Amino acid sequence: MSEIAEKQRIVSMLLQSTLRCAEFYEVLSAHSRHEQLKKVFTGLSKDGRQLGRRLESWSELSAHIHPRQYFDFDRSRFYFESLSRKSLQANTETRAEVLPELADTICAIQIAISFEKDGILFWEEMKSVCEGRLSDFVKELISLKKQRLSMLLNMKGKLASG
């Protein structure tokens, strides 16, 4: 595969992952019965859309991507596909299986925690092929995801302790 084609595959994954994040939290928000959690998920969805717009606004995004000889696209794709499945948009079978769990607030938070952890793994992988301002953006995104994870863990702890 040519370097240009590989760059395009990576750009596509980067852009799609931000969209998946927003979609995921939209679905969680729509199906959550807990009002505070619904607001949290709505905010996370808006954040995801905003990050996606920031990423899309970069002119020549592919110029900031430099596949390395050691970069394992298949492993990165594995993380991305995990995010895609967890976005609950993958197929109706997945949605039918997972949506009933969202009625339980703790389960809904745990699904979000799992999603954020996979997102951190994905963006850590992507960091290795990003340079310059895009590398800074990815580092900022990883930091944001870690903050989200911490917030979700705290929220789960508070709800679990009653």
N, C-alpha and C. Protein backbone atom coordinates (compact mmCIF):
# COMPACT_ATOMS: atom_id res chain seq x y z
N MET A 1 0.84 -1.18 0.00
CA MET A 1 0.00 0.00 0.00
C MET A 1 0.89 1.24 0.00
N SER A 2 0.50 2.23 -0.78
CA SER A 2 1.30 3.45 -0.85
C SER A 2 1.16 4.26 0.44
N GLU A 3 2.13 5.13 0.67
CA GLU A 3 2.08 5.96 1.88
C GLU A 3 0.87 6.89 1.84
N ILE A 4 0.52 7.39 0.65
CA ILE A 4 -0.64 8.29 0.53
C ILE A 4 -1.91 7.55 0.92
N ALA A 5 -2.06 6.32 0.44
CA ALA A 5 -3.25 5.54 0.77
C ALA A 5 -3.29 5.23 2.27
N GLU A 6 -2.14 4.92 2.84
CA GLU A 6 -2.09 4.63 4.28
C GLU A 6 -2.44 5.87 5.08
N LYS A 7 -1.94 7.02 4.66
CA LYS A 7 -2.28 8.27 5.35
C LYS A 7 -3.78 8.51 5.30
N GLN A 8 -4.40 8.26 4.15
CA GLN A 8 -5.84 8.46 4.02
C GLN A 8 -6.62 7.52 4.93
N ARG A 9 -6.17 6.28 5.07
CA ARG A 9 -6.82 5.35 5.98
C ARG A 9 -6.73 5.85 7.42
N ILE A 10 -5.59 6.39 7.78
CA ILE A 10 -5.39 6.90 9.14
C ILE A 10 -6.26 8.14 9.37
N VAL A 11 -6.26 9.06 8.40
CA VAL A 11 -7.10 10.27 8.50
C VAL A 11 -8.56 9.86 8.69
N SER A 12 -9.00 8.89 7.91
CA SER A 12 -10.37 8.43 8.00
C SER A 12 -10.68 7.88 9.39
N MET A 13 -9.77 7.09 9.94
CA MET A 13 -9.99 6.56 11.29
C MET A 13 -10.04 7.67 12.33
N LEU A 14 -9.16 8.65 12.20
CA LEU A 14 -9.15 9.76 13.17
C LEU A 14 -10.48 10.50 13.16
N LEU A 15 -10.94 10.84 11.96
CA LEU A 15 -12.19 11.59 11.85
C LEU A 15 -13.39 10.76 12.31
N GLN A 16 -13.42 9.50 11.91
CA GLN A 16 -14.54 8.64 12.28
C GLN A 16 -14.58 8.40 13.79
N SER A 17 -13.42 8.34 14.41
CA SER A 17 -13.43 8.05 15.86
C SER A 17 -14.08 9.19 16.65
N THR A 18 -13.87 10.43 16.22
CA THR A 18 -14.51 11.54 16.93
C THR A 18 -16.03 11.51 16.71
N LEU A 19 -16.44 11.12 15.49
CA LEU A 19 -17.87 10.98 15.21
C LEU A 19 -18.46 9.85 16.03
N ARG A 20 -17.76 8.72 16.12
CA ARG A 20 -18.24 7.58 16.92
C ARG A 20 -18.45 7.99 18.37
N CYS A 21 -17.54 8.78 18.88
CA CYS A 21 -17.63 9.23 20.27
C CYS A 21 -18.91 10.03 20.49
N ALA A 22 -19.16 10.98 19.60
CA ALA A 22 -20.37 11.81 19.73
C ALA A 22 -21.63 10.95 19.60
N GLU A 23 -21.65 10.04 18.63
CA GLU A 23 -22.81 9.16 18.44
C GLU A 23 -23.05 8.29 19.67
N PHE A 24 -21.97 7.76 20.21
CA PHE A 24 -22.06 6.89 21.38
C PHE A 24 -22.76 7.61 22.53
N TYR A 25 -22.31 8.82 22.82
CA TYR A 25 -22.90 9.54 23.95
C TYR A 25 -24.30 10.05 23.64
N GLU A 26 -24.62 10.29 22.37
CA GLU A 26 -26.00 10.63 22.01
C GLU A 26 -26.93 9.48 22.35
N VAL A 27 -26.52 8.26 21.99
CA VAL A 27 -27.34 7.09 22.28
C VAL A 27 -27.48 6.89 23.78
N LEU A 28 -26.37 7.02 24.51
CA LEU A 28 -26.44 6.86 25.97
C LEU A 28 -27.37 7.90 26.58
N SER A 29 -27.27 9.13 26.11
CA SER A 29 -28.12 10.19 26.64
C SER A 29 -29.59 9.91 26.36
N ALA A 30 -29.87 9.48 25.14
CA ALA A 30 -31.26 9.23 24.75
C ALA A 30 -31.90 8.11 25.55
N HIS A 31 -31.09 7.16 26.02
CA HIS A 31 -31.65 5.99 26.70
C HIS A 31 -31.43 5.99 28.21
N SER A 32 -30.78 7.01 28.72
CA SER A 32 -30.55 7.07 30.16
C SER A 32 -31.79 7.59 30.87
N ARG A 33 -32.11 6.98 31.99
CA ARG A 33 -33.27 7.42 32.78
C ARG A 33 -32.84 8.32 33.93
N HIS A 34 -31.56 8.43 34.15
CA HIS A 34 -31.01 9.22 35.25
C HIS A 34 -30.73 10.62 34.70
N GLU A 35 -31.41 11.62 35.21
CA GLU A 35 -31.34 12.98 34.63
C GLU A 35 -29.93 13.57 34.67
N GLN A 36 -29.22 13.41 35.78
CA GLN A 36 -27.86 13.95 35.86
C GLN A 36 -26.95 13.27 34.85
N LEU A 37 -27.08 11.96 34.75
CA LEU A 37 -26.27 11.20 33.80
C LEU A 37 -26.62 11.57 32.36
N LYS A 38 -27.89 11.78 32.10
CA LYS A 38 -28.34 12.21 30.77
C LYS A 38 -27.64 13.52 30.37
N LYS A 39 -27.56 14.45 31.32
CA LYS A 39 -26.89 15.73 31.06
C LYS A 39 -25.39 15.52 30.80
N VAL A 40 -24.77 14.64 31.60
CA VAL A 40 -23.35 14.35 31.41
C VAL A 40 -23.12 13.78 30.02
N PHE A 41 -23.94 12.79 29.63
CA PHE A 41 -23.77 12.17 28.32
C PHE A 41 -24.03 13.16 27.18
N THR A 42 -25.00 14.04 27.35
CA THR A 42 -25.27 15.06 26.34
C THR A 42 -24.07 15.99 26.19
N GLY A 43 -23.48 16.38 27.31
CA GLY A 43 -22.28 17.23 27.26
C GLY A 43 -21.11 16.54 26.59
N LEU A 44 -20.93 15.26 26.89
CA LEU A 44 -19.84 14.51 26.26
C LEU A 44 -20.06 14.36 24.76
N SER A 45 -21.31 14.22 24.35
CA SER A 45 -21.62 14.15 22.92
C SER A 45 -21.28 15.47 22.23
N LYS A 46 -21.66 16.57 22.84
CA LYS A 46 -21.34 17.89 22.27
C LYS A 46 -19.83 18.09 22.18
N ASP A 47 -19.12 17.67 23.24
CA ASP A 47 -17.65 17.76 23.21
C ASP A 47 -17.08 16.96 22.04
N GLY A 48 -17.61 15.76 21.83
CA GLY A 48 -17.14 14.91 20.74
C GLY A 48 -17.37 15.54 19.38
N ARG A 49 -18.52 16.15 19.20
CA ARG A 49 -18.82 16.84 17.92
C ARG A 49 -17.87 18.02 17.72
N GLN A 50 -17.62 18.75 18.80
CA GLN A 50 -16.73 19.90 18.72
C GLN A 50 -15.31 19.46 18.36
N LEU A 51 -14.84 18.38 18.99
CA LEU A 51 -13.50 17.86 18.67
C LEU A 51 -13.43 17.41 17.21
N GLY A 52 -14.50 16.78 16.75
CA GLY A 52 -14.55 16.35 15.35
C GLY A 52 -14.46 17.53 14.40
N ARG A 53 -15.18 18.60 14.71
CA ARG A 53 -15.13 19.80 13.85
C ARG A 53 -13.73 20.41 13.86
N ARG A 54 -13.09 20.42 15.03
CA ARG A 54 -11.72 20.95 15.11
C ARG A 54 -10.78 20.13 14.24
N LEU A 55 -10.93 18.83 14.31
CA LEU A 55 -10.06 17.95 13.53
C LEU A 55 -10.33 18.11 12.03
N GLU A 56 -11.60 18.19 11.66
CA GLU A 56 -11.96 18.35 10.24
C GLU A 56 -11.50 19.70 9.67
N SER A 57 -11.38 20.70 10.53
CA SER A 57 -11.02 22.03 10.05
C SER A 57 -9.56 22.15 9.66
N TRP A 58 -8.75 21.16 10.03
CA TRP A 58 -7.33 21.22 9.71
C TRP A 58 -7.14 21.10 8.21
N SER A 59 -6.48 22.07 7.64
CA SER A 59 -6.15 21.93 6.22
C SER A 59 -4.96 20.98 6.13
N GLU A 60 -4.99 20.16 5.12
CA GLU A 60 -3.90 19.19 4.90
C GLU A 60 -3.64 18.33 6.13
N LEU A 61 -4.69 17.77 6.68
CA LEU A 61 -4.55 16.91 7.84
C LEU A 61 -3.55 15.79 7.60
N SER A 62 -3.59 15.21 6.39
CA SER A 62 -2.69 14.09 6.10
C SER A 62 -1.22 14.50 6.12
N ALA A 63 -0.94 15.78 5.98
CA ALA A 63 0.46 16.24 6.02
C ALA A 63 1.04 16.12 7.43
N HIS A 64 0.18 16.01 8.43
CA HIS A 64 0.63 15.89 9.82
C HIS A 64 0.73 14.43 10.26
N ILE A 65 0.48 13.52 9.32
CA ILE A 65 0.52 12.09 9.61
C ILE A 65 1.69 11.47 8.87
N HIS A 66 2.51 10.76 9.60
CA HIS A 66 3.67 10.10 9.02
C HIS A 66 3.74 8.67 9.53
N PRO A 67 3.16 7.74 8.73
CA PRO A 67 3.21 6.34 9.16
C PRO A 67 4.65 5.90 9.38
N ARG A 68 4.86 5.24 10.44
CA ARG A 68 6.20 4.75 10.80
C ARG A 68 6.35 3.31 10.34
N GLN A 69 7.56 2.90 10.19
CA GLN A 69 7.81 1.53 9.77
C GLN A 69 7.23 0.54 10.79
N TYR A 70 7.27 0.90 12.05
CA TYR A 70 6.80 0.00 13.10
C TYR A 70 5.30 0.15 13.40
N PHE A 71 4.62 1.07 12.72
CA PHE A 71 3.20 1.31 12.99
C PHE A 71 2.38 0.11 12.53
N ASP A 72 1.56 -0.41 13.43
CA ASP A 72 0.74 -1.57 13.14
C ASP A 72 -0.70 -1.10 12.91
N PHE A 73 -1.04 -0.92 11.64
CA PHE A 73 -2.37 -0.42 11.30
C PHE A 73 -3.46 -1.37 11.78
N ASP A 74 -3.21 -2.67 11.66
CA ASP A 74 -4.22 -3.63 12.07
C ASP A 74 -4.53 -3.55 13.56
N ARG A 75 -3.52 -3.35 14.38
CA ARG A 75 -3.76 -3.23 15.82
C ARG A 75 -4.55 -1.95 16.10
N SER A 76 -4.19 -0.88 15.42
CA SER A 76 -4.93 0.38 15.60
C SER A 76 -6.37 0.21 15.14
N ARG A 77 -6.55 -0.50 14.03
CA ARG A 77 -7.90 -0.73 13.53
C ARG A 77 -8.71 -1.55 14.53
N PHE A 78 -8.05 -2.48 15.24
CA PHE A 78 -8.73 -3.27 16.27
C PHE A 78 -9.33 -2.34 17.33
N TYR A 79 -8.55 -1.37 17.80
CA TYR A 79 -9.06 -0.42 18.79
C TYR A 79 -10.20 0.41 18.21
N PHE A 80 -10.03 0.84 16.95
CA PHE A 80 -11.06 1.64 16.32
C PHE A 80 -12.35 0.83 16.17
N GLU A 81 -12.23 -0.42 15.74
CA GLU A 81 -13.42 -1.25 15.57
C GLU A 81 -14.10 -1.49 16.92
N SER A 82 -13.32 -1.57 17.98
CA SER A 82 -13.91 -1.69 19.31
C SER A 82 -14.74 -0.45 19.62
N LEU A 83 -14.20 0.73 19.30
CA LEU A 83 -14.96 1.96 19.51
C LEU A 83 -16.21 1.97 18.65
N SER A 84 -16.09 1.50 17.41
CA SER A 84 -17.24 1.49 16.51
C SER A 84 -18.34 0.58 17.03
N ARG A 85 -17.97 -0.61 17.51
CA ARG A 85 -18.98 -1.52 18.06
C ARG A 85 -19.63 -0.91 19.29
N LYS A 86 -18.82 -0.30 20.13
CA LYS A 86 -19.36 0.25 21.36
C LYS A 86 -20.17 1.52 21.12
N SER A 87 -20.08 2.06 19.89
CA SER A 87 -20.86 3.26 19.62
C SER A 87 -22.35 2.95 19.57
N LEU A 88 -22.67 1.65 19.60
CA LEU A 88 -24.05 1.17 19.58
C LEU A 88 -24.74 1.45 18.25
N GLN A 89 -23.99 1.95 17.29
CA GLN A 89 -24.54 2.19 15.97
C GLN A 89 -24.19 1.05 15.02
N ALA A 90 -23.38 0.12 15.51
CA ALA A 90 -22.84 -0.93 14.65
C ALA A 90 -23.93 -1.76 13.98
N ASN A 91 -24.85 -2.25 14.75
CA ASN A 91 -25.96 -3.01 14.17
C ASN A 91 -27.09 -3.10 15.18
N THR A 92 -28.25 -3.47 14.69
CA THR A 92 -29.43 -3.50 15.56
C THR A 92 -29.32 -4.60 16.60
N GLU A 93 -28.61 -5.69 16.27
CA GLU A 93 -28.43 -6.77 17.23
C GLU A 93 -27.66 -6.28 18.46
N THR A 94 -26.59 -5.52 18.22
CA THR A 94 -25.80 -4.97 19.32
C THR A 94 -26.65 -4.03 20.16
N ARG A 95 -27.41 -3.19 19.50
CA ARG A 95 -28.24 -2.23 20.23
C ARG A 95 -29.29 -2.95 21.08
N ALA A 96 -29.92 -3.97 20.52
CA ALA A 96 -30.94 -4.70 21.26
C ALA A 96 -30.34 -5.38 22.49
N GLU A 97 -29.10 -5.80 22.36
CA GLU A 97 -28.42 -6.47 23.47
C GLU A 97 -28.00 -5.50 24.57
N VAL A 98 -27.54 -4.31 24.18
CA VAL A 98 -26.95 -3.37 25.13
C VAL A 98 -27.95 -2.37 25.72
N LEU A 99 -28.91 -1.93 24.94
CA LEU A 99 -29.81 -0.88 25.41
C LEU A 99 -30.54 -1.20 26.71
N PRO A 100 -30.99 -2.43 26.93
CA PRO A 100 -31.64 -2.70 28.23
C PRO A 100 -30.72 -2.44 29.42
N GLU A 101 -29.41 -2.62 29.23
CA GLU A 101 -28.46 -2.37 30.32
C GLU A 101 -28.41 -0.90 30.70
N LEU A 102 -28.78 -0.02 29.77
CA LEU A 102 -28.69 1.42 30.04
C LEU A 102 -29.74 1.88 31.06
N ALA A 103 -30.75 1.05 31.28
CA ALA A 103 -31.75 1.39 32.30
C ALA A 103 -31.11 1.39 33.69
N ASP A 104 -30.08 0.59 33.86
CA ASP A 104 -29.34 0.55 35.12
C ASP A 104 -28.24 1.61 35.04
N THR A 105 -28.30 2.60 35.88
CA THR A 105 -27.38 3.74 35.83
C THR A 105 -25.92 3.30 35.97
N ILE A 106 -25.64 2.40 36.89
CA ILE A 106 -24.27 1.94 37.10
C ILE A 106 -23.76 1.23 35.84
N CYS A 107 -24.61 0.41 35.22
CA CYS A 107 -24.21 -0.27 33.97
C CYS A 107 -23.94 0.74 32.86
N ALA A 108 -24.77 1.75 32.77
CA ALA A 108 -24.59 2.78 31.74
C ALA A 108 -23.25 3.48 31.93
N ILE A 109 -22.92 3.80 33.17
CA ILE A 109 -21.64 4.44 33.45
C ILE A 109 -20.49 3.49 33.12
N GLN A 110 -20.65 2.21 33.46
CA GLN A 110 -19.59 1.25 33.18
C GLN A 110 -19.36 1.10 31.67
N ILE A 111 -20.43 1.14 30.89
CA ILE A 111 -20.29 1.08 29.43
C ILE A 111 -19.49 2.30 28.95
N ALA A 112 -19.79 3.47 29.50
CA ALA A 112 -19.06 4.69 29.14
C ALA A 112 -17.60 4.60 29.58
N ILE A 113 -17.34 4.04 30.74
CA ILE A 113 -15.96 3.87 31.22
C ILE A 113 -15.18 2.99 30.27
N SER A 114 -15.78 1.88 29.87
CA SER A 114 -15.13 0.97 28.94
C SER A 114 -14.84 1.66 27.61
N PHE A 115 -15.80 2.45 27.14
CA PHE A 115 -15.63 3.19 25.89
C PHE A 115 -14.46 4.18 25.99
N GLU A 116 -14.39 4.90 27.09
CA GLU A 116 -13.30 5.87 27.26
C GLU A 116 -11.94 5.18 27.33
N LYS A 117 -11.87 4.03 28.01
CA LYS A 117 -10.61 3.30 28.08
C LYS A 117 -10.16 2.86 26.70
N ASP A 118 -11.10 2.33 25.90
CA ASP A 118 -10.74 1.95 24.53
C ASP A 118 -10.32 3.16 23.71
N GLY A 119 -10.97 4.29 23.96
CA GLY A 119 -10.60 5.52 23.26
C GLY A 119 -9.18 5.96 23.60
N ILE A 120 -8.80 5.82 24.85
CA ILE A 120 -7.44 6.18 25.26
C ILE A 120 -6.44 5.28 24.54
N LEU A 121 -6.72 3.97 24.49
CA LEU A 121 -5.83 3.05 23.78
C LEU A 121 -5.71 3.42 22.31
N PHE A 122 -6.85 3.73 21.67
CA PHE A 122 -6.84 4.11 20.26
C PHE A 122 -5.99 5.35 20.02
N TRP A 123 -6.21 6.40 20.81
CA TRP A 123 -5.48 7.65 20.59
C TRP A 123 -4.00 7.52 20.96
N GLU A 124 -3.68 6.66 21.92
CA GLU A 124 -2.26 6.41 22.22
C GLU A 124 -1.58 5.78 21.00
N GLU A 125 -2.29 4.87 20.33
CA GLU A 125 -1.77 4.27 19.10
C GLU A 125 -1.57 5.34 18.02
N MET A 126 -2.56 6.20 17.87
CA MET A 126 -2.52 7.21 16.81
C MET A 126 -1.43 8.25 17.06
N LYS A 127 -1.10 8.45 18.32
CA LYS A 127 -0.07 9.44 18.68
C LYS A 127 1.25 9.13 17.98
N SER A 128 1.52 7.85 17.75
CA SER A 128 2.81 7.47 17.15
C SER A 128 2.97 7.91 15.70
N VAL A 129 1.86 8.23 15.03
CA VAL A 129 1.97 8.63 13.62
C VAL A 129 1.66 10.10 13.39
N CYS A 130 1.39 10.82 14.46
CA CYS A 130 1.04 12.23 14.35
C CYS A 130 2.24 13.10 14.71
N GLU A 131 2.38 14.17 13.97
CA GLU A 131 3.48 15.09 14.23
C GLU A 131 2.97 16.52 14.36
N GLY A 132 3.82 17.37 14.90
CA GLY A 132 3.53 18.80 14.99
C GLY A 132 2.28 19.10 15.79
N ARG A 133 1.46 20.00 15.26
CA ARG A 133 0.25 20.44 15.95
C ARG A 133 -0.74 19.30 16.14
N LEU A 134 -0.76 18.36 15.20
CA LEU A 134 -1.67 17.22 15.34
C LEU A 134 -1.26 16.36 16.53
N SER A 135 0.02 16.20 16.74
CA SER A 135 0.50 15.45 17.90
C SER A 135 0.05 16.14 19.19
N ASP A 136 0.15 17.46 19.22
CA ASP A 136 -0.32 18.22 20.39
C ASP A 136 -1.82 18.04 20.61
N PHE A 137 -2.58 18.05 19.50
CA PHE A 137 -4.02 17.85 19.56
C PHE A 137 -4.34 16.47 20.16
N VAL A 138 -3.64 15.45 19.68
CA VAL A 138 -3.88 14.08 20.17
C VAL A 138 -3.52 13.97 21.64
N LYS A 139 -2.43 14.59 22.06
CA LYS A 139 -2.06 14.58 23.49
C LYS A 139 -3.15 15.26 24.32
N GLU A 140 -3.68 16.36 23.82
CA GLU A 140 -4.77 17.07 24.50
C GLU A 140 -6.01 16.18 24.58
N LEU A 141 -6.30 15.48 23.51
CA LEU A 141 -7.45 14.59 23.47
C LEU A 141 -7.30 13.44 24.46
N ILE A 142 -6.11 12.87 24.55
CA ILE A 142 -5.86 11.79 25.51
C ILE A 142 -6.05 12.30 26.93
N SER A 143 -5.54 13.49 27.20
CA SER A 143 -5.71 14.09 28.52
C SER A 143 -7.19 14.30 28.84
N LEU A 144 -7.95 14.78 27.85
CA LEU A 144 -9.39 14.98 28.02
C LEU A 144 -10.09 13.66 28.31
N LYS A 145 -9.73 12.62 27.57
CA LYS A 145 -10.34 11.31 27.78
C LYS A 145 -10.02 10.78 29.18
N LYS A 146 -8.81 11.02 29.66
CA LYS A 146 -8.45 10.59 31.01
C LYS A 146 -9.27 11.36 32.05
N GLN A 147 -9.52 12.65 31.80
CA GLN A 147 -10.35 13.44 32.71
C GLN A 147 -11.79 12.91 32.72
N ARG A 148 -12.29 12.58 31.52
CA ARG A 148 -13.63 12.02 31.42
C ARG A 148 -13.72 10.70 32.19
N LEU A 149 -12.71 9.88 32.00
CA LEU A 149 -12.68 8.58 32.68
C LEU A 149 -12.71 8.78 34.19
N SER A 150 -11.91 9.69 34.68
CA SER A 150 -11.88 9.99 36.11
C SER A 150 -13.24 10.47 36.60
N MET A 151 -13.87 11.35 35.83
CA MET A 151 -15.18 11.88 36.19
C MET A 151 -16.21 10.75 36.25
N LEU A 152 -16.18 9.86 35.26
CA LEU A 152 -17.13 8.75 35.23
C LEU A 152 -16.89 7.77 36.38
N LEU A 153 -15.62 7.51 36.68
CA LEU A 153 -15.30 6.63 37.81
C LEU A 153 -15.78 7.22 39.14
N ASN A 154 -15.58 8.53 39.30
CA ASN A 154 -16.05 9.21 40.51
C ASN A 154 -17.57 9.15 40.62
N MET A 155 -18.22 9.40 39.50
CA MET A 155 -19.68 9.37 39.47
C MET A 155 -20.18 7.96 39.81
N LYS A 156 -19.55 6.94 39.25
CA LYS A 156 -19.94 5.57 39.53
C LYS A 156 -19.74 5.26 41.03
N GLY A 157 -18.63 5.70 41.58
CA GLY A 157 -18.36 5.46 43.00
C GLY A 157 -19.40 6.10 43.89
N LYS A 158 -19.78 7.34 43.57
CA LYS A 158 -20.78 8.05 44.37
C LYS A 158 -22.14 7.37 44.29
N LEU A 159 -22.52 6.95 43.08
CA LEU A 159 -23.81 6.29 42.93
C LEU A 159 -23.83 4.91 43.59
N ALA A 160 -22.70 4.21 43.50
CA ALA A 160 -22.62 2.87 44.10
C ALA A 160 -22.67 2.92 45.61
N SER A 161 -22.08 3.99 46.18
CA SER A 161 -22.06 4.09 47.65
C SER A 161 -23.37 4.66 48.19
N GLY A 162 -24.23 5.08 47.29
CA GLY A 162 -25.57 5.49 47.70
C GLY A 162 -25.70 6.91 48.00
